[in-house]
């Protein structure tokens, strides 16, 4: 699998912290590791072993969509 970029697009902010719309930019590496840069008032960079783990925490029960920029 090649490296590919994505955006996290949130329809509903259940916590009131991240907001709605594009809340993070990310890269999924060929190894499956994921790095996400959070946007907004509280920016940060987070590393995950894979996208599944990141969405388990930040997916907000389906309220967050992954928008691939480099294909699926």
PDB file of N, CA and C in Angstrom:
ATOM      1  N   UNK A   1       0.841  -1.175   0.000  1.00  0.00           N
ATOM      2  CA  UNK A   1       0.000   0.000   0.000  1.00  0.00           C
ATOM      3  C   UNK A   1       0.890   1.243   0.000  1.00  0.00           C
ATOM      4  N   UNK A   2       0.652   2.182  -0.903  1.00  0.00           N
ATOM      5  CA  UNK A   2       1.454   3.415  -0.918  1.00  0.00           C
ATOM      6  C   UNK A   2       1.000   4.399   0.166  1.00  0.00           C
ATOM      7  N   UNK A   3       1.854   5.342   0.484  1.00  0.00           N
ATOM      8  CA  UNK A   3       1.507   6.410   1.424  1.00  0.00           C
ATOM      9  C   UNK A   3       0.368   7.230   0.827  1.00  0.00           C
ATOM     10  N   UNK A   4      -0.566   7.668   1.675  1.00  0.00           N
ATOM     11  CA  UNK A   4      -1.669   8.496   1.181  1.00  0.00           C
ATOM     12  C   UNK A   4      -2.136   9.485   2.244  1.00  0.00           C
ATOM     13  N   UNK A   5      -2.617  10.622   1.787  1.00  0.00           N
ATOM     14  CA  UNK A   5      -3.060  11.712   2.663  1.00  0.00           C
ATOM     15  C   UNK A   5      -4.574  11.683   2.847  1.00  0.00           C
ATOM     16  N   UNK A   6      -5.024  12.231   3.978  1.00  0.00           N
ATOM     17  CA  UNK A   6      -6.462  12.296   4.228  1.00  0.00           C
ATOM     18  C   UNK A   6      -6.800  13.494   5.107  1.00  0.00           C
ATOM     19  N   UNK A   7      -8.082  13.809   5.153  1.00  0.00           N
ATOM     20  CA  UNK A   7      -8.632  14.810   6.061  1.00  0.00           C
ATOM     21  C   UNK A   7      -9.673  14.128   6.937  1.00  0.00           C
ATOM     22  N   UNK A   8      -9.801  14.560   8.168  1.00  0.00           N
ATOM     23  CA  UNK A   8     -10.919  14.129   9.004  1.00  0.00           C
ATOM     24  C   UNK A   8     -11.961  15.229   8.962  1.00  0.00           C
ATOM     25  N   UNK A   9     -13.141  14.883   8.516  1.00  0.00           N
ATOM     26  CA  UNK A   9     -14.238  15.828   8.355  1.00  0.00           C
ATOM     27  C   UNK A   9     -15.335  15.437   9.342  1.00  0.00           C
ATOM     28  N   UNK A  10     -15.620  16.309  10.287  1.00  0.00           N
ATOM     29  CA  UNK A  10     -16.558  15.986  11.358  1.00  0.00           C
ATOM     30  C   UNK A  10     -17.877  16.712  11.150  1.00  0.00           C
ATOM     31  N   UNK A  11     -18.973  15.954  11.141  1.00  0.00           N
ATOM     32  CA  UNK A  11     -20.312  16.516  10.961  1.00  0.00           C
ATOM     33  C   UNK A  11     -20.886  17.030  12.282  1.00  0.00           C
ATOM     34  N   UNK A  12     -20.577  16.329  13.378  1.00  0.00           N
ATOM     35  CA  UNK A  12     -21.092  16.687  14.704  1.00  0.00           C
ATOM     36  C   UNK A  12     -19.932  16.607  15.683  1.00  0.00           C
ATOM     37  N   UNK A  13     -19.795  17.628  16.520  1.00  0.00           N
ATOM     38  CA  UNK A  13     -18.750  17.619  17.545  1.00  0.00           C
ATOM     39  C   UNK A  13     -19.379  17.259  18.885  1.00  0.00           C
ATOM     40  N   UNK A  14     -19.299  15.989  19.241  1.00  0.00           N
ATOM     41  CA  UNK A  14     -19.920  15.505  20.484  1.00  0.00           C
ATOM     42  C   UNK A  14     -19.281  16.088  21.739  1.00  0.00           C
ATOM     43  N   UNK A  15     -18.005  16.484  21.659  1.00  0.00           N
ATOM     44  CA  UNK A  15     -17.292  16.962  22.849  1.00  0.00           C
ATOM     45  C   UNK A  15     -17.272  18.478  22.983  1.00  0.00           C
ATOM     46  N   UNK A  16     -17.511  19.186  21.877  1.00  0.00           N
ATOM     47  CA  UNK A  16     -17.441  20.634  21.911  1.00  0.00           C
ATOM     48  C   UNK A  16     -16.020  21.171  21.879  1.00  0.00           C
ATOM     49  N   UNK A  17     -15.048  20.326  21.517  1.00  0.00           N
ATOM     50  CA  UNK A  17     -13.644  20.738  21.523  1.00  0.00           C
ATOM     51  C   UNK A  17     -13.119  20.980  20.112  1.00  0.00           C
ATOM     52  N   UNK A  18     -13.326  20.037  19.216  1.00  0.00           N
ATOM     53  CA  UNK A  18     -12.708  20.098  17.888  1.00  0.00           C
ATOM     54  C   UNK A  18     -13.481  20.932  16.876  1.00  0.00           C
ATOM     55  N   UNK A  19     -14.769  21.073  17.077  1.00  0.00           N
ATOM     56  CA  UNK A  19     -15.592  21.779  16.107  1.00  0.00           C
ATOM     57  C   UNK A  19     -16.062  20.844  15.007  1.00  0.00           C
ATOM     58  N   UNK A  20     -16.636  21.427  13.970  1.00  0.00           N
ATOM     59  CA  UNK A  20     -17.130  20.649  12.832  1.00  0.00           C
ATOM     60  C   UNK A  20     -16.394  21.062  11.579  1.00  0.00           C
ATOM     61  N   UNK A  21     -16.555  20.279  10.514  1.00  0.00           N
ATOM     62  CA  UNK A  21     -15.819  20.501   9.277  1.00  0.00           C
ATOM     63  C   UNK A  21     -14.493  19.757   9.350  1.00  0.00           C
ATOM     64  N   UNK A  22     -13.505  20.211   8.603  1.00  0.00           N
ATOM     65  CA  UNK A  22     -12.196  19.556   8.601  1.00  0.00           C
ATOM     66  C   UNK A  22     -11.497  19.878   9.920  1.00  0.00           C
ATOM     67  N   UNK A  23     -11.250  18.842  10.726  1.00  0.00           N
ATOM     68  CA  UNK A  23     -10.661  19.026  12.051  1.00  0.00           C
ATOM     69  C   UNK A  23      -9.219  18.531  12.132  1.00  0.00           C
ATOM     70  N   UNK A  24      -8.790  17.724  11.133  1.00  0.00           N
ATOM     71  CA  UNK A  24      -7.422  17.205  11.154  1.00  0.00           C
ATOM     72  C   UNK A  24      -6.961  16.840   9.753  1.00  0.00           C
ATOM     73  N   UNK A  25      -5.644  16.926   9.551  1.00  0.00           N
ATOM     74  CA  UNK A  25      -4.987  16.459   8.331  1.00  0.00           C
ATOM     75  C   UNK A  25      -4.167  15.239   8.712  1.00  0.00           C
ATOM     76  N   UNK A  26      -4.080  14.279   7.811  1.00  0.00           N
ATOM     77  CA  UNK A  26      -3.337  13.081   8.172  1.00  0.00           C
ATOM     78  C   UNK A  26      -2.619  12.432   7.015  1.00  0.00           C
ATOM     79  N   UNK A  27      -1.718  11.531   7.386  1.00  0.00           N
ATOM     80  CA  UNK A  27      -0.984  10.712   6.413  1.00  0.00           C
ATOM     81  C   UNK A  27      -1.004   9.276   6.924  1.00  0.00           C
ATOM     82  N   UNK A  28      -1.355   8.369   6.030  1.00  0.00           N
ATOM     83  CA  UNK A  28      -1.236   6.948   6.322  1.00  0.00           C
ATOM     84  C   UNK A  28      -0.025   6.443   5.552  1.00  0.00           C
ATOM     85  N   UNK A  29       0.965   5.945   6.268  1.00  0.00           N
ATOM     86  CA  UNK A  29       2.200   5.476   5.639  1.00  0.00           C
ATOM     87  C   UNK A  29       2.030   4.058   5.113  1.00  0.00           C
ATOM     88  N   UNK A  30       2.937   3.639   4.270  1.00  0.00           N
ATOM     89  CA  UNK A  30       2.861   2.303   3.667  1.00  0.00           C
ATOM     90  C   UNK A  30       2.880   1.206   4.728  1.00  0.00           C
ATOM     91  N   UNK A  31       3.419   1.481   5.901  1.00  0.00           N
ATOM     92  CA  UNK A  31       3.443   0.512   7.002  1.00  0.00           C
ATOM     93  C   UNK A  31       2.089   0.384   7.694  1.00  0.00           C
ATOM     94  N   UNK A  32       1.186   1.330   7.422  1.00  0.00           N
ATOM     95  CA  UNK A  32      -0.103   1.380   8.104  1.00  0.00           C
ATOM     96  C   UNK A  32      -0.135   2.390   9.235  1.00  0.00           C
ATOM     97  N   UNK A  33       1.040   2.849   9.692  1.00  0.00           N
ATOM     98  CA  UNK A  33       1.088   3.886  10.736  1.00  0.00           C
ATOM     99  C   UNK A  33       0.424   5.162  10.228  1.00  0.00           C
ATOM    100  N   UNK A  34      -0.180   5.905  11.164  1.00  0.00           N
ATOM    101  CA  UNK A  34      -0.907   7.123  10.819  1.00  0.00           C
ATOM    102  C   UNK A  34      -0.395   8.278  11.676  1.00  0.00           C
ATOM    103  N   UNK A  35      -0.190   9.429  11.043  1.00  0.00           N
ATOM    104  CA  UNK A  35       0.130  10.670  11.752  1.00  0.00           C
ATOM    105  C   UNK A  35      -0.967  11.670  11.413  1.00  0.00           C
ATOM    106  N   UNK A  36      -1.529  12.289  12.462  1.00  0.00           N
ATOM    107  CA  UNK A  36      -2.581  13.278  12.262  1.00  0.00           C
ATOM    108  C   UNK A  36      -2.186  14.591  12.916  1.00  0.00           C
ATOM    109  N   UNK A  37      -2.443  15.672  12.189  1.00  0.00           N
ATOM    110  CA  UNK A  37      -2.235  17.014  12.723  1.00  0.00           C
ATOM    111  C   UNK A  37      -3.606  17.624  12.968  1.00  0.00           C
ATOM    112  N   UNK A  38      -3.898  17.885  14.244  1.00  0.00           N
ATOM    113  CA  UNK A  38      -5.180  18.478  14.593  1.00  0.00           C
ATOM    114  C   UNK A  38      -5.145  19.968  14.328  1.00  0.00           C
ATOM    115  N   UNK A  39      -6.222  20.493  13.790  1.00  0.00           N
ATOM    116  CA  UNK A  39      -6.335  21.909  13.458  1.00  0.00           C
ATOM    117  C   UNK A  39      -7.161  22.597  14.538  1.00  0.00           C
ATOM    118  N   UNK A  40      -7.261  23.911  14.462  1.00  0.00           N
ATOM    119  CA  UNK A  40      -8.133  24.635  15.374  1.00  0.00           C
ATOM    120  C   UNK A  40      -7.407  25.232  16.556  1.00  0.00           C
ATOM    121  N   UNK A  41      -8.168  25.510  17.586  1.00  0.00           N
ATOM    122  CA  UNK A  41      -7.683  26.239  18.756  1.00  0.00           C
ATOM    123  C   UNK A  41      -6.653  25.458  19.578  1.00  0.00           C
ATOM    124  N   UNK A  42      -6.703  24.122  19.532  1.00  0.00           N
ATOM    125  CA  UNK A  42      -5.804  23.282  20.322  1.00  0.00           C
ATOM    126  C   UNK A  42      -5.029  22.338  19.401  1.00  0.00           C
ATOM    127  N   UNK A  43      -4.124  22.862  18.562  1.00  0.00           N
ATOM    128  CA  UNK A  43      -3.433  22.015  17.581  1.00  0.00           C
ATOM    129  C   UNK A  43      -2.467  21.042  18.256  1.00  0.00           C
ATOM    130  N   UNK A  44      -2.328  19.878  17.631  1.00  0.00           N
ATOM    131  CA  UNK A  44      -1.382  18.877  18.114  1.00  0.00           C
ATOM    132  C   UNK A  44      -1.085  17.901  16.986  1.00  0.00           C
ATOM    133  N   UNK A  45      -0.060  17.102  17.178  1.00  0.00           N
ATOM    134  CA  UNK A  45       0.285  16.041  16.230  1.00  0.00           C
ATOM    135  C   UNK A  45       0.281  14.727  16.999  1.00  0.00           C
ATOM    136  N   UNK A  46      -0.404  13.726  16.433  1.00  0.00           N
ATOM    137  CA  UNK A  46      -0.585  12.446  17.098  1.00  0.00           C
ATOM    138  C   UNK A  46      -0.183  11.322  16.147  1.00  0.00           C
ATOM    139  N   UNK A  47       0.480  10.304  16.692  1.00  0.00           N
ATOM    140  CA  UNK A  47       0.875   9.132  15.921  1.00  0.00           C
ATOM    141  C   UNK A  47       0.060   7.936  16.397  1.00  0.00           C
ATOM    142  N   UNK A  48      -0.495   7.180  15.452  1.00  0.00           N
ATOM    143  CA  UNK A  48      -1.297   5.990  15.741  1.00  0.00           C
ATOM    144  C   UNK A  48      -0.712   4.792  15.007  1.00  0.00           C
ATOM    145  N   UNK A  49      -0.904   3.578  15.531  1.00  0.00           N
ATOM    146  CA  UNK A  49      -0.408   2.395  14.831  1.00  0.00           C
ATOM    147  C   UNK A  49      -1.161   2.131  13.534  1.00  0.00           C
ATOM    148  N   UNK A  50      -2.419   2.600  13.446  1.00  0.00           N
ATOM    149  CA  UNK A  50      -3.201   2.487  12.210  1.00  0.00           C
ATOM    150  C   UNK A  50      -4.448   3.362  12.331  1.00  0.00           C
ATOM    151  N   UNK A  51      -5.138   3.529  11.222  1.00  0.00           N
ATOM    152  CA  UNK A  51      -6.305   4.408  11.185  1.00  0.00           C
ATOM    153  C   UNK A  51      -7.452   3.853  12.029  1.00  0.00           C
ATOM    154  N   UNK A  52      -7.567   2.552  12.116  1.00  0.00           N
ATOM    155  CA  UNK A  52      -8.626   1.934  12.913  1.00  0.00           C
ATOM    156  C   UNK A  52      -8.543   2.389  14.366  1.00  0.00           C
ATOM    157  N   UNK A  53      -7.331   2.413  14.927  1.00  0.00           N
ATOM    158  CA  UNK A  53      -7.152   2.867  16.306  1.00  0.00           C
ATOM    159  C   UNK A  53      -7.502   4.351  16.451  1.00  0.00           C
ATOM    160  N   UNK A  54      -7.082   5.162  15.500  1.00  0.00           N
ATOM    161  CA  UNK A  54      -7.375   6.599  15.565  1.00  0.00           C
ATOM    162  C   UNK A  54      -8.879   6.847  15.537  1.00  0.00           C
ATOM    163  N   UNK A  55      -9.589   6.143  14.661  1.00  0.00           N
ATOM    164  CA  UNK A  55     -11.027   6.352  14.550  1.00  0.00           C
ATOM    165  C   UNK A  55     -11.788   5.785  15.740  1.00  0.00           C
ATOM    166  N   UNK A  56     -11.232   4.794  16.410  1.00  0.00           N
ATOM    167  CA  UNK A  56     -11.875   4.270  17.616  1.00  0.00           C
ATOM    168  C   UNK A  56     -11.976   5.360  18.677  1.00  0.00           C
ATOM    169  N   UNK A  57     -11.008   6.260  18.694  1.00  0.00           N
ATOM    170  CA  UNK A  57     -11.000   7.359  19.666  1.00  0.00           C
ATOM    171  C   UNK A  57     -11.665   8.608  19.107  1.00  0.00           C
ATOM    172  N   UNK A  58     -11.389   8.925  17.844  1.00  0.00           N
ATOM    173  CA  UNK A  58     -11.801  10.215  17.279  1.00  0.00           C
ATOM    174  C   UNK A  58     -12.914  10.134  16.245  1.00  0.00           C
ATOM    175  N   UNK A  59     -13.451   8.958  16.011  1.00  0.00           N
ATOM    176  CA  UNK A  59     -14.506   8.797  15.016  1.00  0.00           C
ATOM    177  C   UNK A  59     -15.867   9.293  15.465  1.00  0.00           C
ATOM    178  N   UNK A  60     -16.026   9.478  16.769  1.00  0.00           N
ATOM    179  CA  UNK A  60     -17.279   9.989  17.350  1.00  0.00           C
ATOM    180  C   UNK A  60     -18.491   9.216  16.834  1.00  0.00           C
ATOM    181  N   UNK A  61     -18.380   7.878  16.872  1.00  0.00           N
ATOM    182  CA  UNK A  61     -19.500   6.996  16.500  1.00  0.00           C
ATOM    183  C   UNK A  61     -20.063   7.299  15.117  1.00  0.00           C
ATOM    184  N   UNK A  62     -19.177   7.506  14.156  1.00  0.00           N
ATOM    185  CA  UNK A  62     -19.601   7.736  12.780  1.00  0.00           C
ATOM    186  C   UNK A  62     -19.793   9.199  12.411  1.00  0.00           C
ATOM    187  N   UNK A  63     -19.596  10.120  13.347  1.00  0.00           N
ATOM    188  CA  UNK A  63     -19.766  11.545  13.059  1.00  0.00           C
ATOM    189  C   UNK A  63     -18.566  12.125  12.318  1.00  0.00           C
ATOM    190  N   UNK A  64     -17.485  11.331  12.179  1.00  0.00           N
ATOM    191  CA  UNK A  64     -16.273  11.789  11.508  1.00  0.00           C
ATOM    192  C   UNK A  64     -16.027  10.936  10.266  1.00  0.00           C
ATOM    193  N   UNK A  65     -15.789  11.599   9.151  1.00  0.00           N
ATOM    194  CA  UNK A  65     -15.542  10.917   7.881  1.00  0.00           C
ATOM    195  C   UNK A  65     -14.089  11.105   7.469  1.00  0.00           C
ATOM    196  N   UNK A  66     -13.476  10.045   6.962  1.00  0.00           N
ATOM    197  CA  UNK A  66     -12.134  10.133   6.379  1.00  0.00           C
ATOM    198  C   UNK A  66     -12.294  10.491   4.911  1.00  0.00           C
ATOM    199  N   UNK A  67     -11.722  11.613   4.500  1.00  0.00           N
ATOM    200  CA  UNK A  67     -11.738  12.028   3.087  1.00  0.00           C
ATOM    201  C   UNK A  67     -10.336  11.826   2.526  1.00  0.00           C
ATOM    202  N   UNK A  68     -10.178  10.797   1.710  1.00  0.00           N
ATOM    203  CA  UNK A  68      -8.873  10.498   1.113  1.00  0.00           C
ATOM    204  C   UNK A  68      -8.550  11.515   0.020  1.00  0.00           C
ATOM    205  N   UNK A  69      -7.338  12.030   0.046  1.00  0.00           N
ATOM    206  CA  UNK A  69      -6.891  12.999  -0.950  1.00  0.00           C
ATOM    207  C   UNK A  69      -6.092  12.333  -2.065  1.00  0.00           C
ATOM    208  N   UNK A  70      -5.574  11.148  -1.808  1.00  0.00           N
ATOM    209  CA  UNK A  70      -4.714  10.452  -2.768  1.00  0.00           C
ATOM    210  C   UNK A  70      -5.329   9.143  -3.242  1.00  0.00           C
ATOM    211  N   UNK A  71      -6.625   9.014  -3.231  1.00  0.00           N
ATOM    212  CA  UNK A  71      -7.256   7.769  -3.645  1.00  0.00           C
ATOM    213  C   UNK A  71      -7.491   6.849  -2.476  1.00  0.00           C
ATOM    214  N   UNK A  72      -8.253   5.819  -2.716  1.00  0.00           N
ATOM    215  CA  UNK A  72      -8.615   4.890  -1.639  1.00  0.00           C
ATOM    216  C   UNK A  72      -7.711   3.694  -1.640  1.00  0.00           C
TER     217      UNK A  72
END
